[in-house]
């Protein structure tokens, strides 16, 4: 949904059940300003901030490929 991975640097452990209201692509197209964009919603409703940064990501490299045999 954010078009890139999110890296958790909060240090908070465990699972949390949260309810977050934010604008979807459809609501942005209609001009509905009553629901905030996801970055604003996270900051206002959860007290957390998403920021763009570089960090390590897992990469899978395929270095060879062959068609399967007929066997």
PDB file of N, CA and C in Angstrom:
ATOM      1  N   UNK A   1       0.815  -1.192   0.000  1.00  0.00           N
ATOM      2  CA  UNK A   1       0.000   0.000   0.000  1.00  0.00           C
ATOM      3  C   UNK A   1       0.862   1.260   0.000  1.00  0.00           C
ATOM      4  N   UNK A   2       2.054   1.169   0.571  1.00  0.00           N
ATOM      5  CA  UNK A   2       2.935   2.335   0.622  1.00  0.00           C
ATOM      6  C   UNK A   2       3.938   2.352  -0.524  1.00  0.00           C
ATOM      7  N   UNK A   3       3.911   1.396  -1.397  1.00  0.00           N
ATOM      8  CA  UNK A   3       4.775   1.219  -2.563  1.00  0.00           C
ATOM      9  C   UNK A   3       6.228   0.937  -2.219  1.00  0.00           C
ATOM     10  N   UNK A   4       6.504   0.616  -0.970  1.00  0.00           N
ATOM     11  CA  UNK A   4       7.843   0.212  -0.528  1.00  0.00           C
ATOM     12  C   UNK A   4       7.718  -0.487   0.819  1.00  0.00           C
ATOM     13  N   UNK A   5       8.727  -1.254   1.203  1.00  0.00           N
ATOM     14  CA  UNK A   5       8.648  -1.934   2.501  1.00  0.00           C
ATOM     15  C   UNK A   5       8.700  -0.947   3.667  1.00  0.00           C
ATOM     16  N   UNK A   6       8.060  -1.311   4.757  1.00  0.00           N
ATOM     17  CA  UNK A   6       8.127  -0.505   5.978  1.00  0.00           C
ATOM     18  C   UNK A   6       9.048  -1.218   6.966  1.00  0.00           C
ATOM     19  N   UNK A   7      10.017  -0.509   7.504  1.00  0.00           N
ATOM     20  CA  UNK A   7      10.961  -1.070   8.464  1.00  0.00           C
ATOM     21  C   UNK A   7      10.599  -0.546   9.847  1.00  0.00           C
ATOM     22  N   UNK A   8      10.350  -1.442  10.777  1.00  0.00           N
ATOM     23  CA  UNK A   8       9.940  -1.072  12.131  1.00  0.00           C
ATOM     24  C   UNK A   8      11.168  -0.708  12.965  1.00  0.00           C
ATOM     25  N   UNK A   9      11.279   0.553  13.322  1.00  0.00           N
ATOM     26  CA  UNK A   9      12.371   1.014  14.179  1.00  0.00           C
ATOM     27  C   UNK A   9      11.856   1.526  15.526  1.00  0.00           C
ATOM     28  N   UNK A  10      10.623   1.145  15.884  1.00  0.00           N
ATOM     29  CA  UNK A  10      10.010   1.653  17.118  1.00  0.00           C
ATOM     30  C   UNK A  10      10.570   0.999  18.368  1.00  0.00           C
ATOM     31  N   UNK A  11      11.008  -0.248  18.256  1.00  0.00           N
ATOM     32  CA  UNK A  11      11.457  -0.984  19.434  1.00  0.00           C
ATOM     33  C   UNK A  11      10.300  -1.588  20.213  1.00  0.00           C
ATOM     34  N   UNK A  12       9.063  -1.381  19.769  1.00  0.00           N
ATOM     35  CA  UNK A  12       7.896  -1.957  20.436  1.00  0.00           C
ATOM     36  C   UNK A  12       7.795  -3.426  20.089  1.00  0.00           C
ATOM     37  N   UNK A  13       7.549  -4.267  21.077  1.00  0.00           N
ATOM     38  CA  UNK A  13       7.457  -5.713  20.874  1.00  0.00           C
ATOM     39  C   UNK A  13       6.014  -6.164  20.981  1.00  0.00           C
ATOM     40  N   UNK A  14       5.694  -7.263  20.335  1.00  0.00           N
ATOM     41  CA  UNK A  14       4.364  -7.843  20.421  1.00  0.00           C
ATOM     42  C   UNK A  14       3.478  -7.413  19.271  1.00  0.00           C
ATOM     43  N   UNK A  15       2.242  -7.874  19.347  1.00  0.00           N
ATOM     44  CA  UNK A  15       1.244  -7.547  18.331  1.00  0.00           C
ATOM     45  C   UNK A  15       0.241  -6.575  18.936  1.00  0.00           C
ATOM     46  N   UNK A  16      -0.285  -5.707  18.096  1.00  0.00           N
ATOM     47  CA  UNK A  16      -1.230  -4.703  18.549  1.00  0.00           C
ATOM     48  C   UNK A  16      -2.450  -4.718  17.646  1.00  0.00           C
ATOM     49  N   UNK A  17      -3.627  -4.586  18.233  1.00  0.00           N
ATOM     50  CA  UNK A  17      -4.870  -4.494  17.490  1.00  0.00           C
ATOM     51  C   UNK A  17      -5.226  -3.021  17.409  1.00  0.00           C
ATOM     52  N   UNK A  18      -5.125  -2.434  16.220  1.00  0.00           N
ATOM     53  CA  UNK A  18      -5.377  -1.001  16.057  1.00  0.00           C
ATOM     54  C   UNK A  18      -6.466  -0.776  15.028  1.00  0.00           C
ATOM     55  N   UNK A  19      -7.071   0.371  15.095  1.00  0.00           N
ATOM     56  CA  UNK A  19      -8.042   0.807  14.097  1.00  0.00           C
ATOM     57  C   UNK A  19      -7.525   2.124  13.546  1.00  0.00           C
ATOM     58  N   UNK A  20      -7.270   2.177  12.254  1.00  0.00           N
ATOM     59  CA  UNK A  20      -6.701   3.356  11.617  1.00  0.00           C
ATOM     60  C   UNK A  20      -7.583   3.759  10.449  1.00  0.00           C
ATOM     61  N   UNK A  21      -8.026   4.995  10.430  1.00  0.00           N
ATOM     62  CA  UNK A  21      -8.837   5.494   9.326  1.00  0.00           C
ATOM     63  C   UNK A  21      -7.993   6.420   8.472  1.00  0.00           C
ATOM     64  N   UNK A  22      -7.886   6.079   7.178  1.00  0.00           N
ATOM     65  CA  UNK A  22      -7.104   6.894   6.266  1.00  0.00           C
ATOM     66  C   UNK A  22      -7.717   6.848   4.872  1.00  0.00           C
ATOM     67  N   UNK A  23      -7.313   7.774   4.046  1.00  0.00           N
ATOM     68  CA  UNK A  23      -7.859   7.903   2.704  1.00  0.00           C
ATOM     69  C   UNK A  23      -7.331   6.800   1.799  1.00  0.00           C
ATOM     70  N   UNK A  24      -8.229   6.282   0.965  1.00  0.00           N
ATOM     71  CA  UNK A  24      -7.835   5.338  -0.070  1.00  0.00           C
ATOM     72  C   UNK A  24      -7.710   6.098  -1.386  1.00  0.00           C
ATOM     73  N   UNK A  25      -7.242   5.441  -2.403  1.00  0.00           N
ATOM     74  CA  UNK A  25      -7.125   6.073  -3.714  1.00  0.00           C
ATOM     75  C   UNK A  25      -8.490   6.579  -4.175  1.00  0.00           C
ATOM     76  N   UNK A  26      -9.550   5.796  -3.926  1.00  0.00           N
ATOM     77  CA  UNK A  26     -10.904   6.202  -4.328  1.00  0.00           C
ATOM     78  C   UNK A  26     -11.341   7.483  -3.637  1.00  0.00           C
ATOM     79  N   UNK A  27     -11.079   7.608  -2.338  1.00  0.00           N
ATOM     80  CA  UNK A  27     -11.504   8.807  -1.617  1.00  0.00           C
ATOM     81  C   UNK A  27     -10.659  10.017  -2.003  1.00  0.00           C
ATOM     82  N   UNK A  28      -9.418   9.794  -2.430  1.00  0.00           N
ATOM     83  CA  UNK A  28      -8.592  10.912  -2.903  1.00  0.00           C
ATOM     84  C   UNK A  28      -9.125  11.446  -4.218  1.00  0.00           C
ATOM     85  N   UNK A  29      -9.631  10.548  -5.072  1.00  0.00           N
ATOM     86  CA  UNK A  29     -10.185  10.955  -6.361  1.00  0.00           C
ATOM     87  C   UNK A  29     -11.454  11.790  -6.210  1.00  0.00           C
ATOM     88  N   UNK A  30     -12.231  11.538  -5.162  1.00  0.00           N
ATOM     89  CA  UNK A  30     -13.479  12.274  -4.965  1.00  0.00           C
ATOM     90  C   UNK A  30     -13.267  13.599  -4.253  1.00  0.00           C
ATOM     91  N   UNK A  31     -12.051  13.839  -3.770  1.00  0.00           N
ATOM     92  CA  UNK A  31     -11.769  15.104  -3.096  1.00  0.00           C
ATOM     93  C   UNK A  31     -12.256  15.146  -1.663  1.00  0.00           C
ATOM     94  N   UNK A  32     -12.524  13.990  -1.042  1.00  0.00           N
ATOM     95  CA  UNK A  32     -12.989  13.931   0.340  1.00  0.00           C
ATOM     96  C   UNK A  32     -11.824  14.242   1.278  1.00  0.00           C
ATOM     97  N   UNK A  33     -11.813  15.439   1.845  1.00  0.00           N
ATOM     98  CA  UNK A  33     -10.716  15.858   2.722  1.00  0.00           C
ATOM     99  C   UNK A  33     -10.973  15.502   4.181  1.00  0.00           C
ATOM    100  N   UNK A  34     -12.104  14.839   4.484  1.00  0.00           N
ATOM    101  CA  UNK A  34     -12.417  14.518   5.876  1.00  0.00           C
ATOM    102  C   UNK A  34     -11.579  13.361   6.407  1.00  0.00           C
ATOM    103  N   UNK A  35     -11.028  12.538   5.531  1.00  0.00           N
ATOM    104  CA  UNK A  35     -10.206  11.403   5.946  1.00  0.00           C
ATOM    105  C   UNK A  35      -8.765  11.694   5.524  1.00  0.00           C
ATOM    106  N   UNK A  36      -7.810  11.641   6.467  1.00  0.00           N
ATOM    107  CA  UNK A  36      -6.425  12.001   6.145  1.00  0.00           C
ATOM    108  C   UNK A  36      -5.695  10.938   5.328  1.00  0.00           C
ATOM    109  N   UNK A  37      -4.645  11.349   4.662  1.00  0.00           N
ATOM    110  CA  UNK A  37      -3.754  10.444   3.952  1.00  0.00           C
ATOM    111  C   UNK A  37      -3.067   9.556   4.985  1.00  0.00           C
ATOM    112  N   UNK A  38      -2.577   8.392   4.589  1.00  0.00           N
ATOM    113  CA  UNK A  38      -2.062   7.398   5.523  1.00  0.00           C
ATOM    114  C   UNK A  38      -0.923   7.938   6.396  1.00  0.00           C
ATOM    115  N   UNK A  39      -0.024   8.749   5.860  1.00  0.00           N
ATOM    116  CA  UNK A  39       1.089   9.277   6.654  1.00  0.00           C
ATOM    117  C   UNK A  39       0.574  10.183   7.772  1.00  0.00           C
ATOM    118  N   UNK A  40      -0.382  11.034   7.463  1.00  0.00           N
ATOM    119  CA  UNK A  40      -0.979  11.928   8.455  1.00  0.00           C
ATOM    120  C   UNK A  40      -1.785  11.137   9.473  1.00  0.00           C
ATOM    121  N   UNK A  41      -2.532  10.136   9.018  1.00  0.00           N
ATOM    122  CA  UNK A  41      -3.352   9.322   9.913  1.00  0.00           C
ATOM    123  C   UNK A  41      -2.499   8.590  10.939  1.00  0.00           C
ATOM    124  N   UNK A  42      -1.393   8.025  10.509  1.00  0.00           N
ATOM    125  CA  UNK A  42      -0.510   7.310  11.440  1.00  0.00           C
ATOM    126  C   UNK A  42       0.041   8.260  12.493  1.00  0.00           C
ATOM    127  N   UNK A  43       0.413   9.451  12.072  1.00  0.00           N
ATOM    128  CA  UNK A  43       0.964  10.415  13.030  1.00  0.00           C
ATOM    129  C   UNK A  43      -0.112  10.921  13.987  1.00  0.00           C
ATOM    130  N   UNK A  44      -1.284  11.269  13.473  1.00  0.00           N
ATOM    131  CA  UNK A  44      -2.340  11.825  14.323  1.00  0.00           C
ATOM    132  C   UNK A  44      -3.015  10.775  15.201  1.00  0.00           C
ATOM    133  N   UNK A  45      -3.275   9.587  14.659  1.00  0.00           N
ATOM    134  CA  UNK A  45      -4.054   8.589  15.374  1.00  0.00           C
ATOM    135  C   UNK A  45      -3.209   7.629  16.220  1.00  0.00           C
ATOM    136  N   UNK A  46      -1.949   7.422  15.827  1.00  0.00           N
ATOM    137  CA  UNK A  46      -1.107   6.471  16.546  1.00  0.00           C
ATOM    138  C   UNK A  46       0.091   7.118  17.233  1.00  0.00           C
ATOM    139  N   UNK A  47       0.346   8.375  16.928  1.00  0.00           N
ATOM    140  CA  UNK A  47       1.488   9.048  17.524  1.00  0.00           C
ATOM    141  C   UNK A  47       2.818   8.557  16.986  1.00  0.00           C
ATOM    142  N   UNK A  48       2.819   7.968  15.823  1.00  0.00           N
ATOM    143  CA  UNK A  48       4.029   7.468  15.160  1.00  0.00           C
ATOM    144  C   UNK A  48       4.239   8.262  13.884  1.00  0.00           C
ATOM    145  N   UNK A  49       5.425   8.219  13.346  1.00  0.00           N
ATOM    146  CA  UNK A  49       5.711   8.951  12.122  1.00  0.00           C
ATOM    147  C   UNK A  49       6.405   8.026  11.130  1.00  0.00           C
ATOM    148  N   UNK A  50       5.895   8.006   9.900  1.00  0.00           N
ATOM    149  CA  UNK A  50       6.556   7.283   8.824  1.00  0.00           C
ATOM    150  C   UNK A  50       7.456   8.262   8.097  1.00  0.00           C
ATOM    151  N   UNK A  51       8.681   7.871   7.882  1.00  0.00           N
ATOM    152  CA  UNK A  51       9.588   8.730   7.130  1.00  0.00           C
ATOM    153  C   UNK A  51      10.278   7.893   6.058  1.00  0.00           C
ATOM    154  N   UNK A  52      10.597   8.548   4.968  1.00  0.00           N
ATOM    155  CA  UNK A  52      11.258   7.883   3.859  1.00  0.00           C
ATOM    156  C   UNK A  52      12.753   7.829   4.142  1.00  0.00           C
ATOM    157  N   UNK A  53      13.312   6.641   4.046  1.00  0.00           N
ATOM    158  CA  UNK A  53      14.745   6.454   4.291  1.00  0.00           C
ATOM    159  C   UNK A  53      15.202   5.218   3.526  1.00  0.00           C
ATOM    160  N   UNK A  54      16.490   5.059   3.421  1.00  0.00           N
ATOM    161  CA  UNK A  54      17.022   3.844   2.809  1.00  0.00           C
ATOM    162  C   UNK A  54      17.398   2.877   3.921  1.00  0.00           C
ATOM    163  N   UNK A  55      17.322   1.609   3.619  1.00  0.00           N
ATOM    164  CA  UNK A  55      17.657   0.596   4.601  1.00  0.00           C
ATOM    165  C   UNK A  55      17.830  -0.739   3.917  1.00  0.00           C
ATOM    166  N   UNK A  56      18.200  -1.748   4.681  1.00  0.00           N
ATOM    167  CA  UNK A  56      18.417  -3.062   4.084  1.00  0.00           C
ATOM    168  C   UNK A  56      17.097  -3.703   3.659  1.00  0.00           C
ATOM    169  N   UNK A  57      17.122  -4.364   2.525  1.00  0.00           N
ATOM    170  CA  UNK A  57      15.962  -5.116   2.049  1.00  0.00           C
ATOM    171  C   UNK A  57      16.439  -6.471   1.554  1.00  0.00           C
ATOM    172  N   UNK A  58      15.567  -7.458   1.628  1.00  0.00           N
ATOM    173  CA  UNK A  58      15.894  -8.787   1.148  1.00  0.00           C
ATOM    174  C   UNK A  58      15.738  -8.823  -0.363  1.00  0.00           C
ATOM    175  N   UNK A  59      16.739  -9.345  -1.057  1.00  0.00           N
ATOM    176  CA  UNK A  59      16.726  -9.411  -2.515  1.00  0.00           C
ATOM    177  C   UNK A  59      16.954 -10.851  -2.928  1.00  0.00           C
ATOM    178  N   UNK A  60      16.168 -11.331  -3.883  1.00  0.00           N
ATOM    179  CA  UNK A  60      16.342 -12.675  -4.431  1.00  0.00           C
ATOM    180  C   UNK A  60      16.908 -12.541  -5.832  1.00  0.00           C
ATOM    181  N   UNK A  61      18.003 -13.231  -6.101  1.00  0.00           N
ATOM    182  CA  UNK A  61      18.670 -13.160  -7.388  1.00  0.00           C
ATOM    183  C   UNK A  61      18.579 -14.511  -8.080  1.00  0.00           C
ATOM    184  N   UNK A  62      18.062 -14.516  -9.287  1.00  0.00           N
ATOM    185  CA  UNK A  62      18.006 -15.738 -10.106  1.00  0.00           C
ATOM    186  C   UNK A  62      19.144 -15.633 -11.102  1.00  0.00           C
ATOM    187  N   UNK A  63      20.123 -16.516 -10.956  1.00  0.00           N
ATOM    188  CA  UNK A  63      21.286 -16.425 -11.837  1.00  0.00           C
ATOM    189  C   UNK A  63      21.270 -17.446 -12.965  1.00  0.00           C
ATOM    190  N   UNK A  64      20.298 -18.386 -12.954  1.00  0.00           N
ATOM    191  CA  UNK A  64      20.230 -19.376 -14.020  1.00  0.00           C
ATOM    192  C   UNK A  64      18.807 -19.920 -14.092  1.00  0.00           C
ATOM    193  N   UNK A  65      18.360 -20.185 -15.331  1.00  0.00           N
ATOM    194  CA  UNK A  65      17.011 -20.716 -15.517  1.00  0.00           C
ATOM    195  C   UNK A  65      17.020 -21.620 -16.737  1.00  0.00           C
ATOM    196  N   UNK A  66      16.337 -22.757 -16.646  1.00  0.00           N
ATOM    197  CA  UNK A  66      16.228 -23.686 -17.771  1.00  0.00           C
ATOM    198  C   UNK A  66      14.784 -24.146 -17.883  1.00  0.00           C
ATOM    199  N   UNK A  67      14.384 -24.475 -19.121  1.00  0.00           N
ATOM    200  CA  UNK A  67      13.059 -25.046 -19.321  1.00  0.00           C
ATOM    201  C   UNK A  67      13.046 -26.451 -18.735  1.00  0.00           C
ATOM    202  N   UNK A  68      11.908 -26.900 -18.195  1.00  0.00           N
ATOM    203  CA  UNK A  68      11.846 -28.271 -17.658  1.00  0.00           C
ATOM    204  C   UNK A  68      11.969 -29.303 -18.791  1.00  0.00           C
ATOM    205  N   UNK A  69      12.546 -30.444 -18.467  1.00  0.00           N
ATOM    206  CA  UNK A  69      12.666 -31.510 -19.456  1.00  0.00           C
ATOM    207  C   UNK A  69      11.309 -32.171 -19.678  1.00  0.00           C
ATOM    208  N   UNK A  70      11.183 -32.949 -20.734  1.00  0.00           N
ATOM    209  CA  UNK A  70       9.914 -33.595 -21.045  1.00  0.00           C
ATOM    210  C   UNK A  70       9.653 -34.841 -20.199  1.00  0.00           C
ATOM    211  N   UNK A  71      10.562 -35.218 -19.351  1.00  0.00           N
ATOM    212  CA  UNK A  71      10.407 -36.441 -18.530  1.00  0.00           C
ATOM    213  C   UNK A  71       9.312 -36.243 -17.541  1.00  0.00           C
TER     214      UNK A  71
END
